[in-house]
Amino acid sequence: MKNTFLSIAAVGLLASTLVSCDSTKKTETTKDSSEISANGDTITKVTTKTTETVKTDVPTFSSEEVNKGLAEYSKLKDEYAVAVKSKNAAEIKAISDKYTAWANQATGWASKLKPDEIQKYSDYVLKLSEEWSKAATDAVK
């Protein structure tokens, strides 16, 4: 009964898409300038690119399987954002399927944790779900 409840709770947390909480943002701005000279006139072209990276601190848990599974998430989210930006439907579907498989595994990981870690795990999985939704939203913009 307890495992069933925890599994259902984890699935519910994965499915929700609430406002992201406690993440650190890193903004990186790069400038690229080039000069073109034609008949004594100089034209300067300046291109500025700003990227914002949202990084979430990954908590560690007593189960090594849980830690490895959570580490896979970051790579999966980055691949998804790139696929959405490129509008490659086949790649988006493949990565979404990988995410679904990952989420299904994540629901079972709660049963492998100590009782005092379950709330921290649930909160973190909720945050990951929110990041996934944000990555999709940002990639479409």
Protein backbone atom coordinates (compact mmCIF):
# COMPACT_ATOMS: atom_id res chain seq x y z
CA MET A 1 0.00 0.00 0.00
CA LYS A 2 2.79 2.40 0.96
CA ASN A 3 4.72 1.67 -2.25
CA THR A 4 1.58 2.19 -4.32
CA PHE A 5 0.89 5.50 -2.63
CA LEU A 6 4.49 6.66 -3.13
CA SER A 7 4.42 5.62 -6.77
CA ILE A 8 1.17 7.48 -7.38
CA ALA A 9 2.53 10.53 -5.55
CA ALA A 10 5.71 10.49 -7.64
CA VAL A 11 3.71 10.20 -10.88
CA GLY A 12 1.54 13.10 -9.77
CA LEU A 13 4.59 15.19 -9.03
CA LEU A 14 6.12 14.36 -12.39
CA ALA A 15 2.95 15.32 -14.21
CA SER A 16 2.51 18.69 -12.57
CA THR A 17 3.96 21.80 -14.12
CA LEU A 18 4.07 24.48 -11.48
CA VAL A 19 6.30 27.53 -11.23
CA SER A 20 9.97 26.66 -10.87
CA CYS A 21 11.54 27.20 -7.47
CA ASP A 22 15.10 27.68 -6.13
CA SER A 23 17.21 27.42 -9.24
CA THR A 24 20.30 29.40 -10.01
CA LYS A 25 20.51 31.27 -13.28
CA LYS A 26 23.67 32.02 -15.17
CA THR A 27 23.52 34.54 -17.98
CA GLU A 28 26.32 34.59 -20.50
CA THR A 29 26.68 37.34 -23.08
CA THR A 30 29.07 37.11 -26.01
CA LYS A 31 29.79 39.76 -28.62
CA ASP A 32 31.07 39.18 -32.11
CA SER A 33 32.13 42.16 -34.18
CA SER A 34 33.43 42.30 -37.68
CA GLU A 35 34.43 45.24 -39.85
CA ILE A 36 33.84 45.52 -43.55
CA SER A 37 35.65 48.20 -45.49
CA ALA A 38 34.33 49.31 -48.88
CA ASN A 39 35.73 52.36 -50.71
CA GLY A 40 37.03 53.95 -47.53
CA ASP A 41 33.76 53.52 -45.64
CA THR A 42 33.84 51.24 -42.63
CA ILE A 43 30.80 49.29 -41.60
CA THR A 44 30.93 47.61 -38.22
CA LYS A 45 28.61 44.72 -37.56
CA VAL A 46 28.13 43.75 -33.92
CA THR A 47 26.25 40.60 -33.02
CA THR A 48 25.31 39.98 -29.41
CA LYS A 49 24.15 36.63 -28.18
CA THR A 50 22.78 36.14 -24.67
CA THR A 51 22.14 32.70 -23.27
CA GLU A 52 20.58 31.92 -19.94
CA THR A 53 21.32 28.64 -18.27
CA VAL A 54 19.16 27.39 -15.45
CA LYS A 55 21.10 25.06 -13.22
CA THR A 56 19.57 23.03 -10.47
CA ASP A 57 21.68 21.55 -7.72
CA VAL A 58 21.23 17.78 -7.77
CA PRO A 59 20.76 16.36 -4.29
CA THR A 60 22.39 13.05 -3.44
CA PHE A 61 20.50 10.12 -2.04
CA SER A 62 21.40 6.85 -0.33
CA SER A 63 20.54 4.81 -3.45
CA GLU A 64 23.20 4.88 -6.17
CA GLU A 65 20.58 3.87 -8.76
CA VAL A 66 18.52 6.95 -7.90
CA ASN A 67 21.60 9.21 -8.14
CA LYS A 68 22.55 7.80 -11.57
CA GLY A 69 18.99 8.11 -12.84
CA LEU A 70 18.73 11.73 -11.76
CA ALA A 71 22.06 12.49 -13.44
CA GLU A 72 20.61 11.25 -16.76
CA TYR A 73 17.88 13.86 -16.60
CA SER A 74 20.07 16.89 -17.33
CA LYS A 75 21.40 15.38 -20.54
CA LEU A 76 17.90 14.38 -21.59
CA LYS A 77 16.51 17.88 -20.98
CA ASP A 78 19.32 19.51 -23.00
CA GLU A 79 18.72 17.13 -25.91
CA TYR A 80 15.01 17.93 -25.76
CA ALA A 81 15.57 21.69 -25.86
CA VAL A 82 17.83 21.35 -28.91
CA ALA A 83 15.31 19.10 -30.66
CA VAL A 84 12.44 21.52 -30.01
CA LYS A 85 14.47 24.47 -31.29
CA SER A 86 15.35 22.56 -34.45
CA LYS A 87 11.67 21.57 -34.84
CA ASN A 88 12.68 18.00 -35.64
CA ALA A 89 9.44 16.12 -34.89
CA ALA A 90 11.01 12.65 -35.03
CA GLU A 91 13.75 13.62 -32.59
CA ILE A 92 11.28 15.38 -30.27
CA LYS A 93 9.13 12.24 -30.17
CA ALA A 94 12.14 9.99 -29.52
CA ILE A 95 13.37 12.17 -26.67
CA SER A 96 9.85 12.50 -25.26
CA ASP A 97 9.62 8.70 -25.26
CA LYS A 98 12.97 8.53 -23.42
CA TYR A 99 11.65 11.05 -20.89
CA THR A 100 8.49 9.00 -20.38
CA ALA A 101 10.60 5.89 -19.75
CA TRP A 102 12.80 7.89 -17.37
CA ALA A 103 9.72 9.22 -15.53
CA ASN A 104 8.32 5.70 -15.19
CA GLN A 105 11.61 4.55 -13.63
CA ALA A 106 11.63 7.61 -11.37
CA THR A 107 8.29 6.61 -9.85
CA GLY A 108 9.86 3.37 -8.60
CA TRP A 109 12.94 5.03 -7.17
CA ALA A 110 11.02 6.46 -4.22
CA SER A 111 10.68 2.96 -2.79
CA LYS A 112 14.48 2.61 -2.74
CA LEU A 113 15.00 5.63 -0.53
CA LYS A 114 15.12 6.03 3.22
CA PRO A 115 11.91 7.46 4.72
CA ASP A 116 13.56 10.81 5.51
CA GLU A 117 14.71 11.20 1.88
CA ILE A 118 11.32 10.70 0.25
CA GLN A 119 10.12 14.31 0.66
CA LYS A 120 13.42 15.71 -0.66
CA TYR A 121 13.16 13.32 -3.62
CA SER A 122 9.53 14.27 -4.31
CA ASP A 123 10.37 17.98 -4.22
CA TYR A 124 13.32 17.50 -6.55
CA VAL A 125 11.33 15.41 -9.05
CA LEU A 126 8.66 18.12 -9.07
CA LYS A 127 11.35 20.69 -9.84
CA LEU A 128 12.64 18.50 -12.69
CA SER A 129 9.16 18.28 -14.15
CA GLU A 130 8.88 22.06 -14.04
CA GLU A 131 12.28 22.44 -15.71
CA TRP A 132 11.21 20.08 -18.50
CA SER A 133 8.14 22.21 -19.18
CA LYS A 134 10.20 25.41 -19.02
CA ALA A 135 12.77 23.97 -21.45
CA ALA A 136 9.97 23.20 -23.90
CA THR A 137 8.45 26.66 -23.49
CA ASP A 138 11.78 28.48 -23.84
CA ALA A 139 12.80 26.43 -26.86
CA VAL A 140 9.62 27.39 -28.72
CA LYS A 141 10.14 31.14 -28.15
